[in-house]
Amino acid sequence: MTTTERPNGLHHRNIRTHQSEDVSSSDGGRGNVQEEDLRQWQNYAERVKVRVLAQVQDHLSEIIDKALIESVQPPNNSQPPVNGKTTKQHSSGYQRMDDGKVFMDRASLLDELFEISHIRTIYHMFIAVLLIFALSTLAVDYIDQGRLVLEFDLLLYAFGKLGTVTWAWTIMFAYTLCVPYYTLVFWGYVYHKFPYKLGLSLGTGLLMFAVQTCVLGVFPIYVVVHHQLPPASRFIVILEQIRFLMKAYSFIRETAPVIMKNTPKEGQSPRFPTFSSYLYFLFCPTLIYRESYPRNSHIRWRYVGVTAGMTLGCLFYSYFILVRLCIPIFKTDTKQPFSKRTMVLAVFHSVLPGIMLLLLCFFAFLHCWLNLFGELLRFADRMFYKDWWNSTSFANYYRTWNVVVHDWLYYYGYRDFLWLSKRKFRTAAMLSVFIVSAVVHEYALALGFGFFYPVMFTLFAVFGVTFNFTMNDKRKSPMFNVIIWMCLFLGQGVQVCLYCQEWYAQIHCPRKGDSLWELLVPRSWSCSYE
């Protein structure tokens, strides 16, 4: 049986083989057409996949963040433990509005993007431009003065009198470290025993407000004005003043309601935040106080060195931009007649240095400086900014440009305003946040430069508010991203142009008196360089 079946099986296989060869030979052309159709279908599928990925990319990170937040929130409508106690949420009211900011372990966006070779190449291009600036400065100095040494005289002038800055900062830090903490401890011990709780709270608050106005309000201004600090030193003192005020407010705002709601049992003392947690908060890169934050397991010292080097690189980058692109344009010895033509040319000459300074400020402070302190303190939540460069609306740009400050304004400005107004007047709440932010920005620039010229306030409070309501989140077209970048280019050009003109006007035409009119009216409006 097997001997007869085996050749039959072979015979049948041979017949099928010959038949398949005949079919393939007769339908060869048809097979080529089918292969071509298959390749076209694969290409079409790839294009569809790219479009689908592009559509979901914008929403994927938000979905993941939301899922992570929901996963770390405790069940049964309870808040995370604060000061060792757990408080219940109410069905309506303040805590149900947003439940506060949730910190989690996440890297900065640029650190993730720099893993992509294409993005890293853009970073390398900026380094190449910095080297070109240095070489051009060397070449010009050699041609004009016959030397090959870079002299950073402007940089040394801007950071002068650092000794005065150091002792002024020490006084502000010592006050912020001790007075808010121990005032809260004293108030917390007395609060549940005192019969007139409202009077105690108002009295303590007013007393602390008066002391804080002197130490963190008047004192830094006095140091800046009396000692005539140079610009960079002025900005250090003023920005630290603002930071300490925001930190102290967040600490009181987050801790006082918990003490008020948790009445200690008989014979027990109220639970307070530890002094070490408050000290950690004063240095960690966030303005929202928590008893504890997610921490990394170790410090990456190589990352610390690279980040510190990038911070210094941005500082020298800004120096070369001012020396090569700004000073030669605005440092004039003769008065040019004012005309619309000269002003338009000056603004457009300032567009390139303006946008470069904006990008450098973002990269140096929001990425390098905050990540440097975050790494040294093992602070794990590095979302200091989002992808603001992809914004198609100014509303999204304001939310994603500086997440650290935005969180403070949102939770203690916008959200508290809605809580006090019982979720009414949302437009008024948004306007109040814009006005406060614009005033603080203008305050820092006025004291930093040493003159009052409300360019930043006008751009922020007038044009910024208008664009925020007109170019809102409904704008999704890529064309609106182009419009936002055009506005940023022009806005930075206007700021650099007007502030540089006023700086040299203050030098060539100093004030003759201290009247309010001379302090408020810009000197560049009437100054003659003759």
Protein backbone atom coordinates (compact mmCIF):
# COMPACT_ATOMS: atom_id res chain seq x y z
CA MET A 1 0.00 0.00 0.00
CA THR A 2 2.72 2.43 0.88
CA THR A 3 4.72 1.69 -2.28
CA THR A 4 1.73 2.40 -4.47
CA GLU A 5 0.57 5.48 -2.54
CA ARG A 6 3.92 7.21 -2.47
CA PRO A 7 4.33 7.69 -6.21
CA ASN A 8 0.69 8.66 -6.44
CA GLY A 9 1.26 11.35 -3.82
CA LEU A 10 4.32 12.58 -5.68
CA HIS A 11 2.41 12.49 -8.93
CA HIS A 12 -0.39 14.60 -7.46
CA ARG A 13 2.08 17.10 -5.98
CA ASN A 14 3.84 17.40 -9.31
CA ILE A 15 0.52 17.99 -11.04
CA ARG A 16 -0.36 20.75 -8.56
CA THR A 17 3.09 22.29 -8.97
CA HIS A 18 2.80 22.38 -12.74
CA GLN A 19 -0.68 23.84 -12.48
CA SER A 20 0.49 26.61 -10.15
CA GLU A 21 3.41 27.39 -12.43
CA ASP A 22 1.04 27.64 -15.37
CA VAL A 23 -1.27 29.95 -13.46
CA SER A 24 1.58 32.15 -12.29
CA SER A 25 3.04 32.36 -15.76
CA SER A 26 -0.29 33.21 -17.30
CA ASP A 27 -1.21 35.77 -14.61
CA GLY A 28 2.22 37.34 -14.19
CA GLY A 29 1.07 40.73 -15.34
CA ARG A 30 -1.94 40.62 -13.07
CA GLY A 31 0.34 39.80 -10.06
CA ASN A 32 2.51 42.84 -10.76
CA VAL A 33 -0.57 45.02 -10.80
CA GLN A 34 -1.71 43.55 -7.50
CA GLU A 35 1.71 44.20 -5.94
CA GLU A 36 1.60 47.80 -7.12
CA ASP A 37 -1.89 48.18 -5.64
CA LEU A 38 -0.63 46.72 -2.38
CA ARG A 39 2.25 49.21 -2.23
CA GLN A 40 -0.12 52.09 -2.90
CA TRP A 41 -2.44 50.85 -0.19
CA GLN A 42 0.47 50.61 2.27
CA ASN A 43 1.55 54.16 1.46
CA TYR A 44 -2.01 55.37 1.93
CA ALA A 45 -2.21 53.55 5.28
CA GLU A 46 1.03 55.21 6.39
CA ARG A 47 -0.34 58.66 5.52
CA VAL A 48 -3.54 57.92 7.43
CA LYS A 49 -1.51 56.75 10.41
CA VAL A 50 0.53 59.96 10.42
CA ARG A 51 -2.61 62.10 10.30
CA VAL A 52 -4.24 60.12 13.11
CA LEU A 53 -1.13 60.38 15.29
CA ALA A 54 -0.95 64.11 14.65
CA GLN A 55 -4.58 64.52 15.72
CA VAL A 56 -4.26 62.56 18.97
CA GLN A 57 -0.83 63.91 19.94
CA ASP A 58 -2.24 67.14 21.38
CA HIS A 59 -4.74 65.26 23.55
CA LEU A 60 -2.63 62.29 24.62
CA SER A 61 -0.59 64.08 27.29
CA GLU A 62 -3.71 65.63 28.85
CA ILE A 63 -5.43 62.24 28.97
CA ILE A 64 -2.39 60.64 30.61
CA ASP A 65 -2.09 63.47 33.16
CA LYS A 66 -5.77 63.18 34.01
CA ALA A 67 -5.49 59.42 34.45
CA LEU A 68 -2.43 59.81 36.68
CA ILE A 69 -4.13 62.45 38.80
CA GLU A 70 -7.19 60.26 39.25
CA SER A 71 -5.00 57.29 40.14
CA VAL A 72 -3.11 59.12 42.88
CA GLN A 73 -6.14 60.80 44.43
CA PRO A 74 -7.41 58.92 47.49
CA PRO A 75 -10.90 57.38 47.36
CA ASN A 76 -14.01 58.27 49.33
CA ASN A 77 -13.80 61.97 48.45
CA SER A 78 -10.91 62.59 50.83
CA GLN A 79 -7.96 64.89 50.30
CA PRO A 80 -4.33 63.81 50.61
CA PRO A 81 -3.10 64.02 54.20
CA VAL A 82 -1.98 67.50 55.12
CA ASN A 83 -0.05 67.99 58.34
CA GLY A 84 -0.79 64.39 59.26
CA LYS A 85 -4.57 64.68 58.99
CA THR A 86 -7.09 63.79 56.33
CA THR A 87 -9.94 66.18 55.58
CA LYS A 88 -13.17 65.38 53.79
CA GLN A 89 -14.23 67.23 50.71
CA HIS A 90 -17.60 68.92 50.55
CA SER A 91 -20.10 68.33 47.81
CA SER A 92 -19.99 72.03 47.00
CA GLY A 93 -17.63 74.81 47.80
CA TYR A 94 -13.98 75.62 47.55
CA GLN A 95 -12.30 72.24 47.49
CA ARG A 96 -14.60 70.74 44.89
CA MET A 97 -13.65 73.46 42.44
CA ASP A 98 -10.25 71.97 41.68
CA ASP A 99 -9.00 70.02 44.71
CA GLY A 100 -5.61 71.73 44.49
CA LYS A 101 -2.53 71.04 42.45
CA VAL A 102 -1.27 67.45 42.36
CA PHE A 103 2.48 66.93 42.11
CA MET A 104 3.86 63.87 40.37
CA ASP A 105 7.13 62.53 39.03
CA ARG A 106 7.64 63.91 35.51
CA ALA A 107 10.54 65.34 33.51
CA SER A 108 10.75 68.70 31.78
CA LEU A 109 9.49 68.72 28.23
CA LEU A 110 12.75 69.94 26.69
CA ASP A 111 14.70 67.17 28.43
CA GLU A 112 12.45 64.68 26.68
CA LEU A 113 12.62 66.51 23.36
CA PHE A 114 16.42 66.69 23.46
CA GLU A 115 16.43 62.88 23.25
CA ILE A 116 15.27 63.35 19.64
CA SER A 117 18.20 64.02 17.33
CA HIS A 118 16.26 66.52 15.20
CA ILE A 119 15.41 68.72 18.20
CA ARG A 120 18.94 68.38 19.55
CA THR A 121 20.22 69.71 16.23
CA ILE A 122 18.29 72.96 16.77
CA TYR A 123 20.00 73.25 20.16
CA HIS A 124 23.37 72.76 18.42
CA MET A 125 22.48 75.53 15.95
CA PHE A 126 22.00 77.98 18.83
CA ILE A 127 25.40 76.97 20.23
CA ALA A 128 26.93 77.63 16.81
CA VAL A 129 25.37 81.10 16.74
CA LEU A 130 26.85 81.80 20.19
CA LEU A 131 30.31 80.85 18.90
CA ILE A 132 29.80 83.08 15.87
CA PHE A 133 28.93 85.99 18.19
CA ALA A 134 32.12 85.40 20.18
CA LEU A 135 34.25 85.20 17.01
CA SER A 136 32.69 88.35 15.56
CA THR A 137 33.35 90.25 18.80
CA LEU A 138 36.98 89.09 18.76
CA ALA A 139 37.36 90.12 15.12
CA VAL A 140 35.84 93.58 15.65
CA ASP A 141 37.95 94.21 18.76
CA TYR A 142 41.11 93.14 16.91
CA ILE A 143 40.35 95.40 13.94
CA ASP A 144 39.37 98.42 16.07
CA GLN A 145 41.73 98.12 19.02
CA GLY A 146 44.29 95.48 18.08
CA ARG A 147 43.46 93.01 20.90
CA LEU A 148 42.25 89.41 20.99
CA VAL A 149 40.82 89.33 24.51
CA LEU A 150 37.12 89.27 25.24
CA GLU A 151 36.28 91.88 27.86
CA PHE A 152 32.94 91.47 29.58
CA ASP A 153 32.84 94.99 30.97
CA LEU A 154 29.07 95.32 30.52
CA LEU A 155 28.50 92.03 32.32
CA LEU A 156 30.72 93.07 35.21
CA TYR A 157 28.89 96.39 35.48
CA ALA A 158 25.43 94.78 35.41
CA PHE A 159 26.28 92.42 38.30
CA GLY A 160 28.12 94.99 40.39
CA LYS A 161 27.73 95.49 44.17
CA LEU A 162 26.99 91.82 44.82
CA GLY A 163 28.00 92.30 48.45
CA THR A 164 25.04 94.61 49.00
CA VAL A 165 22.80 92.14 47.19
CA THR A 166 24.03 89.32 49.46
CA TRP A 167 23.27 90.96 52.80
CA ALA A 168 19.94 92.32 51.54
CA TRP A 169 18.94 88.84 50.37
CA THR A 170 20.03 87.34 53.70
CA ILE A 171 17.75 89.69 55.63
CA MET A 172 14.77 88.94 53.37
CA PHE A 173 15.40 85.20 53.58
CA ALA A 174 15.78 85.19 57.37
CA TYR A 175 12.51 87.07 57.74
CA THR A 176 10.62 84.78 55.34
CA LEU A 177 12.02 81.70 57.04
CA CYS A 178 11.19 82.65 60.62
CA VAL A 179 8.36 85.19 60.86
CA PRO A 180 5.59 83.52 58.76
CA TYR A 181 6.30 80.09 60.25
CA TYR A 182 6.41 81.06 63.92
CA THR A 183 3.52 83.50 63.50
CA LEU A 184 1.43 80.63 62.15
CA VAL A 185 2.52 78.38 65.03
CA PHE A 186 1.59 81.01 67.61
CA TRP A 187 -1.76 81.71 65.97
CA GLY A 188 -2.49 77.98 65.66
CA TYR A 189 -1.82 77.32 69.34
CA VAL A 190 -4.12 80.14 70.46
CA TYR A 191 -6.84 79.87 67.80
CA HIS A 192 -8.91 76.97 69.22
CA LYS A 193 -8.66 78.31 72.79
CA PHE A 194 -9.41 81.95 72.06
CA PRO A 195 -13.09 82.98 72.30
CA TYR A 196 -12.89 85.70 69.62
CA LYS A 197 -11.40 83.74 66.73
CA LEU A 198 -12.19 86.31 64.05
CA GLY A 199 -10.60 89.10 66.03
CA LEU A 200 -7.52 86.99 66.72
CA SER A 201 -7.15 86.14 63.04
CA LEU A 202 -7.63 89.73 61.89
CA GLY A 203 -5.25 91.10 64.49
CA THR A 204 -2.54 88.57 63.70
CA GLY A 205 -2.99 89.06 59.98
CA LEU A 206 -2.82 92.86 60.16
CA LEU A 207 0.26 92.77 62.39
CA MET A 208 2.03 90.36 60.06
CA PHE A 209 0.97 92.41 57.03
CA ALA A 210 2.49 95.56 58.59
CA VAL A 211 5.79 93.83 59.39
CA GLN A 212 5.91 92.16 55.99
CA THR A 213 5.26 95.47 54.25
CA CYS A 214 8.34 96.92 55.95
CA VAL A 215 10.71 93.97 55.48
CA LEU A 216 9.58 92.49 52.16
CA GLY A 217 7.99 95.65 50.77
CA VAL A 218 9.86 98.84 51.63
CA PHE A 219 13.27 97.39 52.52
CA PRO A 220 14.14 95.91 49.07
CA ILE A 221 13.05 99.13 47.34
CA TYR A 222 15.19 101.15 49.74
CA VAL A 223 18.23 98.94 49.04
CA VAL A 224 17.79 99.21 45.28
CA VAL A 225 17.28 102.97 45.21
CA HIS A 226 19.56 104.11 48.03
CA HIS A 227 22.56 102.01 47.01
CA GLN A 228 22.02 102.66 43.28
CA LEU A 229 22.46 99.02 42.33
CA PRO A 230 23.22 98.20 38.69
CA PRO A 231 20.49 96.52 36.59
CA ALA A 232 21.20 92.80 37.10
CA SER A 233 21.75 93.27 40.84
CA ARG A 234 18.49 95.22 41.02
CA PHE A 235 16.60 92.41 39.33
CA ILE A 236 18.05 89.85 41.77
CA VAL A 237 16.78 91.80 44.78
CA ILE A 238 13.36 92.61 43.29
CA LEU A 239 12.66 89.15 41.89
CA GLU A 240 13.66 87.55 45.18
CA GLN A 241 11.37 90.00 46.97
CA ILE A 242 8.46 88.88 44.78
CA ARG A 243 9.36 85.20 45.20
CA PHE A 244 9.51 85.41 49.00
CA LEU A 245 6.15 87.19 49.11
CA MET A 246 4.52 84.52 46.95
CA LYS A 247 6.11 81.69 48.95
CA ALA A 248 5.03 83.13 52.30
CA TYR A 249 1.48 83.69 51.07
CA SER A 250 1.22 80.13 49.74
CA PHE A 251 2.44 78.69 53.03
CA ILE A 252 -0.12 80.64 55.07
CA ARG A 253 -2.89 80.06 52.52
CA GLU A 254 -2.41 76.29 52.40
CA THR A 255 -1.82 75.69 56.11
CA ALA A 256 -4.15 78.07 57.97
CA PRO A 257 -7.45 76.52 56.67
CA VAL A 258 -6.27 73.06 57.74
CA ILE A 259 -5.53 74.29 61.28
CA MET A 260 -8.90 76.00 61.48
CA LYS A 261 -10.84 72.91 60.39
CA ASN A 262 -9.01 70.36 62.56
CA THR A 263 -9.81 71.02 66.20
CA PRO A 264 -7.33 69.15 68.43
CA LYS A 265 -8.67 66.72 70.98
CA GLU A 266 -8.58 67.48 74.68
CA GLY A 267 -5.01 67.55 75.93
CA GLN A 268 -3.48 67.49 72.45
CA SER A 269 -1.72 70.26 70.56
CA PRO A 270 -2.52 71.23 66.98
CA ARG A 271 -0.37 69.63 64.32
CA PHE A 272 1.78 72.05 62.33
CA PRO A 273 4.01 71.66 59.27
CA THR A 274 7.57 70.77 60.14
CA PHE A 275 10.16 73.52 59.97
CA SER A 276 12.27 71.42 57.61
CA SER A 277 9.39 71.08 55.14
CA TYR A 278 8.94 74.86 55.09
CA LEU A 279 12.68 75.38 54.64
CA TYR A 280 12.64 72.92 51.74
CA PHE A 281 9.69 74.77 50.21
CA LEU A 282 11.58 78.08 50.20
CA PHE A 283 14.18 76.61 47.83
CA CYS A 284 12.28 74.04 45.77
CA PRO A 285 11.10 75.19 42.31
CA THR A 286 7.39 75.62 43.02
CA LEU A 287 5.18 78.32 44.52
CA ILE A 288 2.52 75.93 45.86
CA TYR A 289 3.21 74.69 49.39
CA ARG A 290 2.86 71.03 50.32
CA GLU A 291 4.07 69.16 53.37
CA SER A 292 5.90 66.75 51.03
CA TYR A 293 6.62 66.43 47.32
CA PRO A 294 7.58 63.50 45.08
CA ARG A 295 11.35 63.09 45.34
CA ASN A 296 13.94 61.45 43.13
CA SER A 297 16.11 58.71 44.59
CA HIS A 298 19.45 60.40 43.86
CA ILE A 299 21.12 63.49 42.40
CA ARG A 300 22.48 63.28 38.85
CA TRP A 301 25.64 65.34 39.29
CA ARG A 302 26.46 65.26 35.59
CA TYR A 303 23.04 66.75 34.88
CA VAL A 304 23.73 69.43 37.51
CA GLY A 305 27.03 70.36 35.83
CA VAL A 306 25.53 70.47 32.34
CA THR A 307 22.55 72.55 33.47
CA ALA A 308 24.76 75.02 35.35
CA GLY A 309 26.94 75.34 32.24
CA MET A 310 23.90 76.02 30.05
CA THR A 311 22.75 78.72 32.48
CA LEU A 312 26.11 80.50 32.22
CA GLY A 313 26.04 80.01 28.47
CA CYS A 314 22.68 81.78 28.25
CA LEU A 315 24.09 84.65 30.33
CA PHE A 316 26.98 85.16 27.93
CA TYR A 317 24.62 84.68 24.98
CA SER A 318 22.50 87.60 26.22
CA TYR A 319 25.63 89.67 26.68
CA PHE A 320 26.71 89.16 23.06
CA ILE A 321 23.21 89.96 21.78
CA LEU A 322 23.22 93.28 23.64
CA VAL A 323 26.76 94.14 22.58
CA ARG A 324 26.49 93.11 18.92
CA LEU A 325 22.81 93.80 18.08
CA CYS A 326 21.41 96.40 20.50
CA ILE A 327 24.08 98.82 21.70
CA PRO A 328 25.42 99.74 18.22
CA ILE A 329 21.89 100.75 17.17
CA PHE A 330 20.76 102.76 20.18
CA LYS A 331 24.02 104.19 21.55
CA THR A 332 24.18 107.37 19.47
CA ASP A 333 26.03 110.60 20.17
CA THR A 334 23.92 112.81 17.93
CA LYS A 335 20.19 113.37 18.05
CA GLN A 336 18.43 112.00 15.03
CA PRO A 337 15.20 113.79 14.12
CA PHE A 338 12.21 111.73 15.14
CA SER A 339 10.01 110.40 12.37
CA LYS A 340 7.74 107.46 11.75
CA ARG A 341 10.38 105.98 9.49
CA THR A 342 13.12 105.99 12.13
CA MET A 343 10.81 104.51 14.75
CA VAL A 344 9.58 101.72 12.45
CA LEU A 345 13.15 100.87 11.45
CA ALA A 346 14.25 100.84 15.09
CA VAL A 347 11.42 98.49 16.05
CA PHE A 348 12.17 96.05 13.25
CA HIS A 349 15.89 96.22 14.02
CA SER A 350 14.97 95.12 17.55
CA VAL A 351 12.83 92.16 16.52
CA LEU A 352 15.71 89.68 16.18
CA PRO A 353 17.49 90.53 19.46
CA GLY A 354 14.12 90.78 21.18
CA ILE A 355 12.91 87.30 20.28
CA MET A 356 16.35 85.83 21.00
CA LEU A 357 16.34 87.41 24.46
CA LEU A 358 12.85 86.04 25.07
CA LEU A 359 13.93 82.50 24.16
CA LEU A 360 17.08 82.84 26.25
CA CYS A 361 15.13 84.04 29.29
CA PHE A 362 12.77 81.10 28.92
CA PHE A 363 15.54 78.54 28.47
CA ALA A 364 17.87 79.97 31.14
CA PHE A 365 15.30 80.41 33.90
CA LEU A 366 12.32 78.12 33.29
CA HIS A 367 14.39 75.20 32.05
CA CYS A 368 18.00 75.45 33.27
CA TRP A 369 17.70 77.35 36.56
CA LEU A 370 14.59 75.58 37.86
CA ASN A 371 15.84 72.16 36.78
CA LEU A 372 19.16 72.90 38.48
CA PHE A 373 17.48 73.50 41.83
CA GLY A 374 15.05 70.67 41.19
CA GLU A 375 17.92 68.25 40.67
CA LEU A 376 19.89 69.45 43.69
CA LEU A 377 16.79 69.10 45.90
CA ARG A 378 15.65 65.85 44.18
CA PHE A 379 12.35 67.57 43.34
CA ALA A 380 10.66 65.16 40.93
CA ASP A 381 7.89 67.27 39.36
CA ARG A 382 9.69 69.20 36.60
CA MET A 383 6.68 70.48 34.66
CA PHE A 384 7.76 74.12 34.86
CA TYR A 385 6.34 74.85 31.40
CA LYS A 386 4.42 73.13 28.63
CA ASP A 387 4.61 73.28 24.84
CA TRP A 388 3.78 76.99 24.64
CA TRP A 389 5.50 77.22 21.25
CA ASN A 390 2.67 75.15 19.71
CA SER A 391 -0.08 77.43 21.04
CA THR A 392 -2.78 78.53 18.61
CA SER A 393 -4.43 80.81 21.19
CA PHE A 394 -3.08 83.39 23.59
CA ALA A 395 -5.14 81.80 26.36
CA ASN A 396 -3.17 78.58 25.94
CA TYR A 397 0.11 80.51 25.64
CA TYR A 398 -0.44 82.23 29.00
CA ARG A 399 -1.25 78.89 30.64
CA THR A 400 1.76 77.03 29.29
CA TRP A 401 4.54 79.65 29.17
CA ASN A 402 5.28 79.67 32.92
CA VAL A 403 3.41 76.93 34.75
CA VAL A 404 5.03 77.77 38.10
CA VAL A 405 3.64 81.32 38.24
CA HIS A 406 0.43 80.34 36.45
CA ASP A 407 -0.39 77.79 39.16
CA TRP A 408 0.03 80.43 41.88
CA LEU A 409 -2.17 82.94 40.04
CA TYR A 410 -4.77 80.33 39.24
CA TYR A 411 -5.15 78.77 42.68
CA TYR A 412 -4.77 81.92 44.81
CA GLY A 413 -6.10 84.52 42.39
CA TYR A 414 -8.58 83.19 39.87
CA ARG A 415 -9.95 80.26 41.90
CA ASP A 416 -10.21 82.18 45.17
CA PHE A 417 -11.97 85.02 43.38
CA LEU A 418 -14.55 82.53 42.07
CA TRP A 419 -14.91 80.99 45.52
CA LEU A 420 -15.59 84.38 47.12
CA SER A 421 -18.07 85.30 44.37
CA LYS A 422 -19.74 81.86 44.47
CA ARG A 423 -18.48 80.98 40.99
CA LYS A 424 -19.77 84.19 39.43
CA PHE A 425 -17.91 86.90 37.52
CA ARG A 426 -15.47 84.62 35.71
CA THR A 427 -14.50 87.43 33.36
CA ALA A 428 -13.78 89.73 36.29
CA ALA A 429 -11.68 86.98 37.90
CA MET A 430 -9.64 86.57 34.73
CA LEU A 431 -9.20 90.33 34.33
CA SER A 432 -8.05 90.69 37.94
CA VAL A 433 -5.38 88.04 37.39
CA PHE A 434 -4.17 89.81 34.23
CA ILE A 435 -4.03 93.19 35.97
CA VAL A 436 -2.11 91.81 38.97
CA SER A 437 0.36 90.03 36.69
CA ALA A 438 0.83 93.14 34.52
CA VAL A 439 1.40 95.38 37.56
CA VAL A 440 3.98 93.00 39.05
CA HIS A 441 5.82 92.68 35.73
CA GLU A 442 5.92 96.44 35.32
CA TYR A 443 7.00 96.91 38.94
CA ALA A 444 9.95 94.56 38.44
CA LEU A 445 11.02 96.27 35.19
CA ALA A 446 10.62 99.79 36.60
CA LEU A 447 12.82 99.09 39.63
CA GLY A 448 15.20 96.91 37.63
CA PHE A 449 15.90 99.54 34.97
CA GLY A 450 15.54 102.51 37.31
CA PHE A 451 12.84 104.33 35.33
CA PHE A 452 9.11 104.14 34.75
CA TYR A 453 8.07 103.38 31.19
CA PRO A 454 4.90 101.22 31.14
CA VAL A 455 5.59 99.39 27.88
CA MET A 456 5.24 95.94 29.46
CA PHE A 457 2.08 96.96 31.30
CA THR A 458 0.48 98.29 28.10
CA LEU A 459 1.37 95.19 26.08
CA PHE A 460 0.26 92.85 28.85
CA ALA A 461 -2.84 94.54 30.26
CA VAL A 462 -4.21 96.00 27.02
CA PHE A 463 -3.09 93.90 24.06
CA GLY A 464 -2.64 90.74 26.12
CA VAL A 465 -6.17 90.90 27.54
CA THR A 466 -7.64 91.70 24.13
CA PHE A 467 -5.85 88.81 22.44
CA ASN A 468 -6.75 86.48 25.30
CA PHE A 469 -10.47 86.98 24.67
CA THR A 470 -10.33 87.20 20.88
CA MET A 471 -7.79 84.44 20.21
CA ASN A 472 -9.20 81.91 22.66
CA ASP A 473 -9.04 78.13 22.81
CA LYS A 474 -11.49 77.77 19.94
CA ARG A 475 -8.72 78.74 17.55
CA LYS A 476 -7.17 75.49 16.33
CA SER A 477 -5.82 76.34 12.90
CA PRO A 478 -2.02 76.35 12.46
CA MET A 479 -2.39 79.85 11.02
CA PHE A 480 -3.14 81.13 14.53
CA ASN A 481 0.18 79.73 15.70
CA VAL A 482 1.81 81.85 13.00
CA ILE A 483 -0.15 84.89 14.23
CA ILE A 484 0.99 84.29 17.82
CA TRP A 485 4.63 84.11 16.76
CA MET A 486 4.25 87.30 14.74
CA CYS A 487 2.80 89.04 17.80
CA LEU A 488 5.65 87.75 19.96
CA PHE A 489 8.23 88.96 17.44
CA LEU A 490 6.67 92.42 17.18
CA GLY A 491 5.99 92.71 20.90
CA GLN A 492 9.58 91.86 21.81
CA GLY A 493 10.85 94.27 19.17
CA VAL A 494 8.76 97.10 20.62
CA GLN A 495 9.95 96.38 24.15
CA VAL A 496 13.64 96.18 23.28
CA CYS A 497 13.41 99.32 21.13
CA LEU A 498 11.57 101.52 23.62
CA TYR A 499 13.44 100.35 26.72
CA CYS A 500 16.83 100.82 25.01
CA GLN A 501 15.87 104.30 23.83
CA GLU A 502 14.73 105.24 27.34
CA TRP A 503 17.90 103.81 28.91
CA TYR A 504 20.18 106.05 26.84
CA ALA A 505 17.81 108.99 27.22
CA GLN A 506 18.14 108.65 31.00
CA ILE A 507 21.94 108.76 30.59
CA HIS A 508 22.12 111.73 28.19
CA CYS A 509 19.28 113.70 29.80
CA PRO A 510 19.25 113.00 33.55
CA ARG A 511 16.39 114.24 35.66
CA LYS A 512 16.78 117.74 37.07
CA GLY A 513 14.37 117.16 39.96
CA ASP A 514 12.39 114.55 41.84
CA SER A 515 8.91 115.75 41.02
CA LEU A 516 6.25 113.16 40.27
CA TRP A 517 5.90 114.47 36.71
CA GLU A 518 9.59 113.88 35.92
CA LEU A 519 9.46 110.42 37.45
CA LEU A 520 6.45 109.33 35.40
CA VAL A 521 7.14 110.96 32.01
CA PRO A 522 9.70 109.01 29.90
CA ARG A 523 12.83 111.01 29.14
CA SER A 524 13.04 109.72 25.56
CA TRP A 525 9.94 111.77 24.68
CA SER A 526 11.73 115.08 25.15
CA CYS A 527 15.45 114.31 25.38
CA SER A 528 17.91 115.99 23.02
CA TYR A 529 21.40 114.49 22.79
CA GLU A 530 23.06 117.78 21.89
